[in-house]
Structures are given as structure tokens and as C-alpha cells.
């Protein structure tokens, strides 16, 4: 992977987003239906927060009580909104920033997702999983090249 390439070359741009006033029941549905771990929270197209699956599960665990039934837990999910649990102190990068800058942010801050913002508008998200996928793609390509160069 060329760490001097722009983050737009490996970021996820097809995003599922939430608004701050969406119910936590909607967060639960998104996490159950999609294989993602971070959901950007936007007001219009401006990012205002991020909900991670870890934050959501931590919040939900506070409700777990074996004596309570599923109906009560579902009512709680409808009573709380995204704004109640979202993270707001976010690192952000522009799509033209280099991948090595993102790597430094991941290492120093132990973040797992960085919103990508151009002109105050959310255009993508870069996660540690995106980095792993990019490295894996390159490793497969290198393996294929080496395999094709072996004498028959």
C-alpha cells in the first residue's frame, strides 16, 4: 500500500448515516442488518458525531436485567436518541490527506474510524478495516506477481 496516496483511494464512500435525533432502535437495526462498526451522525451533510458499535453495546449493557422482558428493553431503545450516546470529539481528515497521516491518528489516538470531510461535508469514512483491506489487496497482488514469475 502506498501510504503517501490520498485517503480517498481506500476510504468507504457509500455511507449509512444517522441524525442526532434518530432513535437508538434505528441504530440497533443498522448494526444488525449491516456489517459495519461505525455510523456517522450528520446534521444535513455536516458530521456532528459518530456512533460505534462498542459505544452502543456499552450503553445497552446498562439496561440488561434478566428480570426485565424484551418489551421494556425495546421501549428504552425508542426513548433514547443517537445524540445521547454519540462521540463528538472527532478527528477529521480531508479526502486529499495522505494515508500516513491517518495511520498516525490511528496509532496516537487509538481511534478506529476517521470521518473524511471536504468543504465541511462528510464524503467518507476511513476505518482500520479499510487499511487492512488495502494491505490485503496489495499482498494478494504481490503474491500473484511472484507466482506468475516462477519458472514452470
N, C-alpha and C. Protein backbone atom coordinates (compact mmCIF):
# COMPACT_ATOMS: atom_id res chain seq x y z
N UNK A 1 0.85 -1.17 0.00
CA UNK A 1 0.00 0.00 0.00
C UNK A 1 0.89 1.23 0.00
N UNK A 2 0.56 2.15 -0.83
CA UNK A 2 1.30 3.41 -0.89
C UNK A 2 0.75 4.34 0.19
N UNK A 3 1.49 4.49 1.27
CA UNK A 3 1.00 5.31 2.37
C UNK A 3 1.03 6.80 2.06
N UNK A 4 1.60 7.17 0.93
CA UNK A 4 1.58 8.57 0.52
C UNK A 4 0.39 8.88 -0.39
N UNK A 5 -0.40 7.87 -0.71
CA UNK A 5 -1.60 8.06 -1.52
C UNK A 5 -2.66 8.77 -0.68
N UNK A 6 -3.62 9.43 -1.34
CA UNK A 6 -4.68 10.09 -0.57
C UNK A 6 -5.64 9.08 0.04
N UNK A 7 -6.24 9.45 1.18
CA UNK A 7 -7.17 8.54 1.85
C UNK A 7 -8.38 8.22 0.98
N UNK A 8 -8.70 9.09 0.03
CA UNK A 8 -9.86 8.81 -0.83
C UNK A 8 -9.66 7.55 -1.64
N UNK A 9 -8.41 7.10 -1.80
CA UNK A 9 -8.15 5.88 -2.57
C UNK A 9 -8.56 4.61 -1.83
N UNK A 10 -8.75 4.70 -0.51
CA UNK A 10 -9.13 3.50 0.24
C UNK A 10 -10.31 3.70 1.18
N UNK A 11 -10.83 4.91 1.30
CA UNK A 11 -11.93 5.18 2.24
C UNK A 11 -13.22 4.55 1.74
N UNK A 12 -14.17 4.41 2.65
CA UNK A 12 -15.52 3.97 2.29
C UNK A 12 -16.34 5.22 2.02
N UNK A 13 -16.96 5.26 0.85
CA UNK A 13 -17.74 6.45 0.48
C UNK A 13 -19.24 6.18 0.45
N UNK A 14 -19.63 4.92 0.43
CA UNK A 14 -21.05 4.56 0.43
C UNK A 14 -21.48 4.41 1.89
N UNK A 15 -21.96 5.50 2.46
CA UNK A 15 -22.18 5.56 3.90
C UNK A 15 -23.65 5.42 4.30
N UNK A 16 -23.83 4.82 5.45
CA UNK A 16 -25.12 4.83 6.13
C UNK A 16 -24.93 5.84 7.26
N UNK A 17 -25.83 6.81 7.35
CA UNK A 17 -25.69 7.85 8.37
C UNK A 17 -26.95 7.94 9.22
N UNK A 18 -26.81 8.61 10.33
CA UNK A 18 -27.91 8.87 11.25
C UNK A 18 -27.98 10.37 11.51
N UNK A 19 -29.12 10.82 12.03
CA UNK A 19 -29.22 12.19 12.52
C UNK A 19 -29.19 12.13 14.04
N UNK A 20 -28.85 13.22 14.71
CA UNK A 20 -28.77 13.20 16.17
C UNK A 20 -30.07 12.81 16.86
N UNK A 21 -31.21 13.03 16.22
CA UNK A 21 -32.50 12.75 16.85
C UNK A 21 -33.08 11.37 16.49
N UNK A 22 -32.36 10.58 15.70
CA UNK A 22 -32.82 9.23 15.40
C UNK A 22 -32.84 8.40 16.69
N UNK A 23 -33.78 7.50 16.78
CA UNK A 23 -33.92 6.63 17.96
C UNK A 23 -32.84 5.55 17.97
N UNK A 24 -32.49 5.10 19.14
CA UNK A 24 -31.48 4.04 19.25
C UNK A 24 -31.98 2.72 18.67
N UNK A 25 -33.28 2.56 18.54
CA UNK A 25 -33.81 1.38 17.87
C UNK A 25 -33.34 1.32 16.42
N UNK A 26 -33.19 2.49 15.79
CA UNK A 26 -32.68 2.54 14.42
C UNK A 26 -31.19 2.17 14.38
N UNK A 27 -30.44 2.58 15.38
CA UNK A 27 -29.02 2.20 15.47
C UNK A 27 -28.92 0.68 15.56
N UNK A 28 -29.75 0.09 16.41
CA UNK A 28 -29.74 -1.36 16.58
C UNK A 28 -30.02 -2.05 15.24
N UNK A 29 -31.01 -1.58 14.50
CA UNK A 29 -31.34 -2.16 13.20
C UNK A 29 -30.17 -2.08 12.23
N UNK A 30 -29.51 -0.93 12.18
CA UNK A 30 -28.38 -0.76 11.25
C UNK A 30 -27.27 -1.73 11.60
N UNK A 31 -26.91 -1.82 12.88
CA UNK A 31 -25.84 -2.73 13.27
C UNK A 31 -26.22 -4.19 13.02
N UNK A 32 -27.48 -4.53 13.16
CA UNK A 32 -27.91 -5.91 12.92
C UNK A 32 -27.96 -6.24 11.43
N UNK A 33 -28.30 -5.27 10.59
CA UNK A 33 -28.50 -5.53 9.16
C UNK A 33 -27.26 -5.31 8.30
N UNK A 34 -26.29 -4.58 8.80
CA UNK A 34 -25.11 -4.25 8.01
C UNK A 34 -23.86 -4.64 8.78
N UNK A 35 -22.85 -5.03 8.06
CA UNK A 35 -21.60 -5.44 8.69
C UNK A 35 -20.69 -4.22 8.85
N UNK A 36 -21.12 -3.28 9.69
CA UNK A 36 -20.32 -2.08 9.96
C UNK A 36 -20.19 -1.90 11.46
N UNK A 37 -19.21 -1.09 11.86
CA UNK A 37 -18.96 -0.86 13.27
C UNK A 37 -18.99 0.60 13.66
N UNK A 38 -19.17 1.50 12.68
CA UNK A 38 -19.21 2.94 12.94
C UNK A 38 -20.27 3.57 12.06
N UNK A 39 -21.10 4.43 12.65
CA UNK A 39 -22.13 5.12 11.89
C UNK A 39 -21.94 6.63 12.10
N UNK A 40 -21.62 7.36 11.04
CA UNK A 40 -21.51 8.82 11.17
C UNK A 40 -22.88 9.44 11.49
N UNK A 41 -22.84 10.46 12.31
CA UNK A 41 -24.05 11.21 12.67
C UNK A 41 -23.93 12.58 12.01
N UNK A 42 -24.92 12.90 11.18
CA UNK A 42 -24.85 14.15 10.42
C UNK A 42 -26.09 15.01 10.66
N UNK A 43 -25.86 16.30 10.56
CA UNK A 43 -26.94 17.28 10.54
C UNK A 43 -26.81 17.91 9.16
N UNK A 44 -27.76 17.62 8.31
CA UNK A 44 -27.67 17.89 6.87
C UNK A 44 -26.50 17.08 6.36
N UNK A 45 -25.43 17.67 5.84
CA UNK A 45 -24.29 16.86 5.39
C UNK A 45 -23.04 17.10 6.25
N UNK A 46 -23.25 17.80 7.36
CA UNK A 46 -22.14 18.11 8.26
C UNK A 46 -22.07 17.08 9.37
N UNK A 47 -20.90 16.49 9.57
CA UNK A 47 -20.75 15.49 10.62
C UNK A 47 -20.76 16.17 11.99
N UNK A 48 -21.54 15.60 12.90
CA UNK A 48 -21.62 16.14 14.25
C UNK A 48 -21.24 15.09 15.30
N UNK A 49 -21.08 13.85 14.88
CA UNK A 49 -20.72 12.80 15.81
C UNK A 49 -20.54 11.46 15.12
N UNK A 50 -20.29 10.45 15.93
CA UNK A 50 -20.08 9.10 15.43
C UNK A 50 -20.59 8.13 16.49
N UNK A 51 -21.30 7.10 16.06
CA UNK A 51 -21.74 6.05 16.98
C UNK A 51 -20.98 4.79 16.60
N UNK A 52 -20.24 4.26 17.56
CA UNK A 52 -19.54 3.00 17.31
C UNK A 52 -20.38 1.86 17.89
N UNK A 53 -20.17 0.69 17.35
CA UNK A 53 -20.88 -0.48 17.86
C UNK A 53 -20.51 -0.72 19.32
N UNK A 54 -19.26 -0.47 19.67
CA UNK A 54 -18.82 -0.64 21.06
C UNK A 54 -19.56 0.31 21.99
N UNK A 55 -19.70 1.58 21.58
CA UNK A 55 -20.42 2.55 22.40
C UNK A 55 -21.88 2.13 22.57
N UNK A 56 -22.48 1.67 21.49
CA UNK A 56 -23.88 1.25 21.53
C UNK A 56 -24.05 0.05 22.48
N UNK A 57 -23.19 -0.95 22.33
CA UNK A 57 -23.29 -2.13 23.19
C UNK A 57 -23.03 -1.79 24.65
N UNK A 58 -22.10 -0.89 24.90
CA UNK A 58 -21.83 -0.45 26.28
C UNK A 58 -23.07 0.21 26.87
N UNK A 59 -23.73 1.04 26.09
CA UNK A 59 -24.95 1.70 26.54
C UNK A 59 -26.05 0.68 26.81
N UNK A 60 -26.22 -0.26 25.90
CA UNK A 60 -27.26 -1.28 26.03
C UNK A 60 -27.01 -2.16 27.25
N UNK A 61 -25.77 -2.50 27.52
CA UNK A 61 -25.46 -3.36 28.68
C UNK A 61 -25.94 -2.75 29.98
N UNK A 62 -26.02 -1.42 30.03
CA UNK A 62 -26.53 -0.76 31.22
C UNK A 62 -27.99 -1.07 31.46
N UNK A 63 -28.70 -1.54 30.41
CA UNK A 63 -30.11 -1.88 30.51
C UNK A 63 -30.35 -3.35 30.78
N UNK A 64 -29.34 -4.17 30.61
CA UNK A 64 -29.55 -5.61 30.71
C UNK A 64 -29.91 -6.01 32.13
N UNK A 65 -31.05 -6.60 32.24
CA UNK A 65 -31.54 -7.10 33.53
C UNK A 65 -32.37 -8.33 33.20
N UNK A 66 -31.91 -9.47 33.67
CA UNK A 66 -32.58 -10.72 33.31
C UNK A 66 -34.05 -10.76 33.74
N UNK A 67 -34.41 -9.95 34.74
CA UNK A 67 -35.79 -9.95 35.22
C UNK A 67 -36.72 -9.15 34.30
N UNK A 68 -36.13 -8.25 33.47
CA UNK A 68 -36.95 -7.44 32.58
C UNK A 68 -37.19 -8.16 31.27
N UNK A 69 -38.32 -7.88 30.68
CA UNK A 69 -38.61 -8.53 29.41
C UNK A 69 -38.15 -7.69 28.23
N UNK A 70 -38.20 -8.29 27.07
CA UNK A 70 -37.76 -7.65 25.83
C UNK A 70 -38.54 -6.38 25.54
N UNK A 71 -39.81 -6.34 25.91
CA UNK A 71 -40.66 -5.17 25.66
C UNK A 71 -40.09 -3.93 26.34
N UNK A 72 -39.64 -4.07 27.57
CA UNK A 72 -39.08 -2.94 28.32
C UNK A 72 -37.80 -2.45 27.65
N UNK A 73 -36.94 -3.39 27.25
CA UNK A 73 -35.69 -3.01 26.58
C UNK A 73 -35.95 -2.29 25.26
N UNK A 74 -36.92 -2.78 24.49
CA UNK A 74 -37.27 -2.13 23.22
C UNK A 74 -37.83 -0.73 23.46
N UNK A 75 -38.61 -0.56 24.53
CA UNK A 75 -39.15 0.76 24.86
C UNK A 75 -38.02 1.74 25.18
N UNK A 76 -37.01 1.26 25.87
CA UNK A 76 -35.84 2.10 26.17
C UNK A 76 -35.12 2.51 24.89
N UNK A 77 -34.99 1.59 23.94
CA UNK A 77 -34.33 1.92 22.67
C UNK A 77 -35.11 2.98 21.91
N UNK A 78 -36.42 3.00 22.08
CA UNK A 78 -37.23 4.03 21.43
C UNK A 78 -37.21 5.35 22.20
N UNK A 79 -36.86 5.30 23.48
CA UNK A 79 -36.87 6.50 24.32
C UNK A 79 -35.60 7.33 24.17
N UNK A 80 -34.47 6.70 23.85
CA UNK A 80 -33.21 7.40 23.73
C UNK A 80 -32.90 7.69 22.27
N UNK A 81 -32.12 8.75 22.05
CA UNK A 81 -31.75 9.13 20.68
C UNK A 81 -30.23 9.06 20.51
N UNK A 82 -29.81 9.09 19.27
CA UNK A 82 -28.40 8.98 18.90
C UNK A 82 -27.55 10.00 19.65
N UNK A 83 -28.05 11.22 19.76
CA UNK A 83 -27.30 12.29 20.41
C UNK A 83 -26.92 11.93 21.85
N UNK A 84 -27.68 11.04 22.47
CA UNK A 84 -27.41 10.64 23.86
C UNK A 84 -26.15 9.80 23.99
N UNK A 85 -25.73 9.13 22.93
CA UNK A 85 -24.58 8.22 23.05
C UNK A 85 -23.46 8.50 22.05
N UNK A 86 -23.66 9.41 21.11
CA UNK A 86 -22.64 9.62 20.07
C UNK A 86 -21.39 10.27 20.64
N UNK A 87 -20.27 9.98 19.99
CA UNK A 87 -18.99 10.61 20.31
C UNK A 87 -18.89 11.87 19.47
N UNK A 88 -18.48 12.97 20.09
CA UNK A 88 -18.42 14.24 19.36
C UNK A 88 -17.00 14.75 19.13
N UNK A 89 -16.06 14.37 19.92
CA UNK A 89 -14.68 14.85 19.75
C UNK A 89 -13.97 14.03 18.69
N UNK A 90 -14.20 14.36 17.43
CA UNK A 90 -13.71 13.53 16.33
C UNK A 90 -12.49 14.13 15.63
N UNK A 91 -11.58 13.27 15.27
CA UNK A 91 -10.53 13.66 14.34
C UNK A 91 -11.15 13.59 12.95
N UNK A 92 -10.80 14.51 12.08
CA UNK A 92 -11.33 14.51 10.72
C UNK A 92 -10.17 14.74 9.76
N UNK A 93 -10.31 14.20 8.56
CA UNK A 93 -9.33 14.42 7.50
C UNK A 93 -10.06 14.81 6.23
N UNK A 94 -9.35 15.48 5.34
CA UNK A 94 -9.90 15.73 4.01
C UNK A 94 -9.55 14.54 3.14
N UNK A 95 -10.26 14.37 2.05
CA UNK A 95 -10.04 13.21 1.18
C UNK A 95 -8.68 13.24 0.50
N UNK A 96 -8.04 14.40 0.46
CA UNK A 96 -6.71 14.51 -0.17
C UNK A 96 -5.56 14.29 0.81
N UNK A 97 -5.87 14.16 2.11
CA UNK A 97 -4.81 13.87 3.09
C UNK A 97 -4.21 12.51 2.78
N UNK A 98 -2.96 12.34 3.14
CA UNK A 98 -2.27 11.08 2.85
C UNK A 98 -2.63 10.01 3.87
N UNK A 99 -2.53 8.78 3.44
CA UNK A 99 -2.82 7.63 4.30
C UNK A 99 -1.91 7.61 5.52
N UNK A 100 -0.65 8.03 5.38
CA UNK A 100 0.26 8.01 6.54
C UNK A 100 -0.20 8.95 7.65
N UNK A 101 -0.88 10.03 7.30
CA UNK A 101 -1.44 10.93 8.31
C UNK A 101 -2.54 10.20 9.09
N UNK A 102 -3.38 9.48 8.37
CA UNK A 102 -4.44 8.69 9.02
C UNK A 102 -3.83 7.63 9.93
N UNK A 103 -2.78 6.98 9.47
CA UNK A 103 -2.12 5.95 10.29
C UNK A 103 -1.61 6.55 11.60
N UNK A 104 -1.03 7.74 11.53
CA UNK A 104 -0.56 8.41 12.75
C UNK A 104 -1.72 8.69 13.70
N UNK A 105 -2.84 9.14 13.16
CA UNK A 105 -4.01 9.41 14.00
C UNK A 105 -4.50 8.12 14.66
N UNK A 106 -4.57 7.05 13.88
CA UNK A 106 -4.99 5.77 14.45
C UNK A 106 -4.06 5.32 15.57
N UNK A 107 -2.76 5.46 15.36
CA UNK A 107 -1.78 5.00 16.35
C UNK A 107 -1.77 5.85 17.61
N UNK A 108 -1.78 7.16 17.45
CA UNK A 108 -1.67 8.06 18.59
C UNK A 108 -2.95 8.09 19.41
N UNK A 109 -4.10 8.12 18.75
CA UNK A 109 -5.37 8.32 19.45
C UNK A 109 -6.15 7.04 19.68
N UNK A 110 -5.72 5.96 19.10
CA UNK A 110 -6.41 4.67 19.19
C UNK A 110 -7.85 4.74 18.70
N UNK A 111 -8.08 5.62 17.72
CA UNK A 111 -9.37 5.66 17.04
C UNK A 111 -9.44 4.46 16.10
N UNK A 112 -10.64 4.09 15.70
CA UNK A 112 -10.81 3.03 14.72
C UNK A 112 -11.54 3.53 13.49
N UNK A 113 -11.93 4.82 13.51
CA UNK A 113 -12.63 5.41 12.37
C UNK A 113 -12.36 6.90 12.33
N UNK A 114 -12.13 7.40 11.11
CA UNK A 114 -11.91 8.83 10.92
C UNK A 114 -12.87 9.31 9.83
N UNK A 115 -13.75 10.25 10.16
CA UNK A 115 -14.61 10.82 9.12
C UNK A 115 -13.77 11.61 8.11
N UNK A 116 -14.14 11.51 6.85
CA UNK A 116 -13.46 12.24 5.78
C UNK A 116 -14.39 13.35 5.34
N UNK A 117 -13.90 14.58 5.45
CA UNK A 117 -14.73 15.77 5.24
C UNK A 117 -14.05 16.69 4.22
N UNK A 118 -14.80 17.08 3.21
CA UNK A 118 -14.35 18.08 2.24
C UNK A 118 -15.34 19.24 2.25
N UNK A 119 -14.83 20.45 2.40
CA UNK A 119 -15.69 21.64 2.42
C UNK A 119 -16.83 21.50 3.42
N UNK A 120 -16.52 21.04 4.62
CA UNK A 120 -17.49 20.85 5.72
C UNK A 120 -18.58 19.84 5.41
N UNK A 121 -18.40 19.00 4.40
CA UNK A 121 -19.38 17.98 4.05
C UNK A 121 -18.76 16.59 4.18
N UNK A 122 -19.46 15.69 4.86
CA UNK A 122 -18.99 14.32 5.01
C UNK A 122 -18.98 13.62 3.66
N UNK A 123 -17.82 13.11 3.25
CA UNK A 123 -17.71 12.43 1.95
C UNK A 123 -17.30 10.96 2.10
N UNK A 124 -16.90 10.58 3.31
CA UNK A 124 -16.49 9.19 3.50
C UNK A 124 -16.05 8.95 4.93
N UNK A 125 -15.60 7.72 5.15
CA UNK A 125 -15.05 7.34 6.45
C UNK A 125 -13.90 6.39 6.19
N UNK A 126 -12.86 6.54 6.96
CA UNK A 126 -11.71 5.64 6.86
C UNK A 126 -11.62 4.89 8.18
N UNK A 127 -11.63 3.57 8.09
CA UNK A 127 -11.55 2.74 9.30
C UNK A 127 -10.28 1.90 9.25
N UNK A 128 -9.95 1.33 10.38
CA UNK A 128 -8.80 0.43 10.41
C UNK A 128 -9.07 -0.77 9.50
N UNK A 129 -10.33 -1.15 9.36
CA UNK A 129 -10.69 -2.25 8.47
C UNK A 129 -10.38 -1.88 7.01
N UNK A 130 -10.60 -0.62 6.62
CA UNK A 130 -10.25 -0.18 5.26
C UNK A 130 -8.75 -0.32 5.02
N UNK A 131 -7.96 0.00 6.03
CA UNK A 131 -6.50 -0.14 5.92
C UNK A 131 -6.14 -1.61 5.73
N UNK A 132 -6.73 -2.47 6.54
CA UNK A 132 -6.45 -3.91 6.45
C UNK A 132 -6.83 -4.44 5.07
N UNK A 133 -8.00 -4.04 4.55
CA UNK A 133 -8.43 -4.48 3.21
C UNK A 133 -7.43 -4.03 2.15
N UNK A 134 -6.94 -2.79 2.25
CA UNK A 134 -5.99 -2.27 1.26
C UNK A 134 -4.68 -3.04 1.31
N UNK A 135 -4.20 -3.32 2.51
CA UNK A 135 -2.96 -4.09 2.65
C UNK A 135 -3.16 -5.50 2.11
N UNK A 136 -4.29 -6.11 2.40
CA UNK A 136 -4.59 -7.46 1.92
C UNK A 136 -4.65 -7.50 0.40
N UNK A 137 -5.33 -6.52 -0.21
CA UNK A 137 -5.40 -6.47 -1.68
C UNK A 137 -4.01 -6.41 -2.29
N UNK A 138 -3.16 -5.58 -1.70
CA UNK A 138 -1.80 -5.45 -2.22
C UNK A 138 -1.01 -6.73 -2.02
N UNK A 139 -1.19 -7.38 -0.88
CA UNK A 139 -0.48 -8.64 -0.62
C UNK A 139 -0.89 -9.70 -1.62
N UNK A 140 -2.16 -9.78 -1.93
CA UNK A 140 -2.65 -10.74 -2.92
C UNK A 140 -2.05 -10.44 -4.28
N UNK A 141 -1.99 -9.17 -4.65
CA UNK A 141 -1.42 -8.78 -5.94
C UNK A 141 0.06 -9.15 -6.01
N UNK A 142 0.81 -8.89 -4.96
CA UNK A 142 2.23 -9.24 -4.92
C UNK A 142 2.40 -10.75 -5.03
N UNK A 143 1.59 -11.51 -4.30
CA UNK A 143 1.65 -12.97 -4.37
C UNK A 143 1.38 -13.46 -5.79
N UNK A 144 0.41 -12.86 -6.46
CA UNK A 144 0.08 -13.26 -7.83
C UNK A 144 1.24 -12.96 -8.78
N UNK A 145 1.88 -11.81 -8.60
CA UNK A 145 3.02 -11.45 -9.45
C UNK A 145 4.16 -12.44 -9.22
N UNK A 146 4.45 -12.73 -7.97
CA UNK A 146 5.54 -13.66 -7.67
C UNK A 146 5.24 -15.06 -8.20
N UNK A 147 4.00 -15.49 -8.08
CA UNK A 147 3.60 -16.80 -8.57
C UNK A 147 3.76 -16.87 -10.09
N UNK A 148 3.40 -15.79 -10.78
CA UNK A 148 3.48 -15.80 -12.25
C UNK A 148 4.93 -15.76 -12.74
N UNK A 149 5.86 -15.34 -11.89
CA UNK A 149 7.26 -15.26 -12.29
C UNK A 149 8.04 -16.53 -11.98
N UNK A 150 7.43 -17.51 -11.34
CA UNK A 150 8.11 -18.76 -11.05
C UNK A 150 8.31 -19.52 -12.35
N UNK A 151 9.47 -20.14 -12.48
CA UNK A 151 9.72 -20.96 -13.68
C UNK A 151 8.79 -22.18 -13.69
N UNK A 152 8.35 -22.53 -14.87
CA UNK A 152 7.42 -23.67 -14.99
C UNK A 152 8.10 -24.99 -14.81
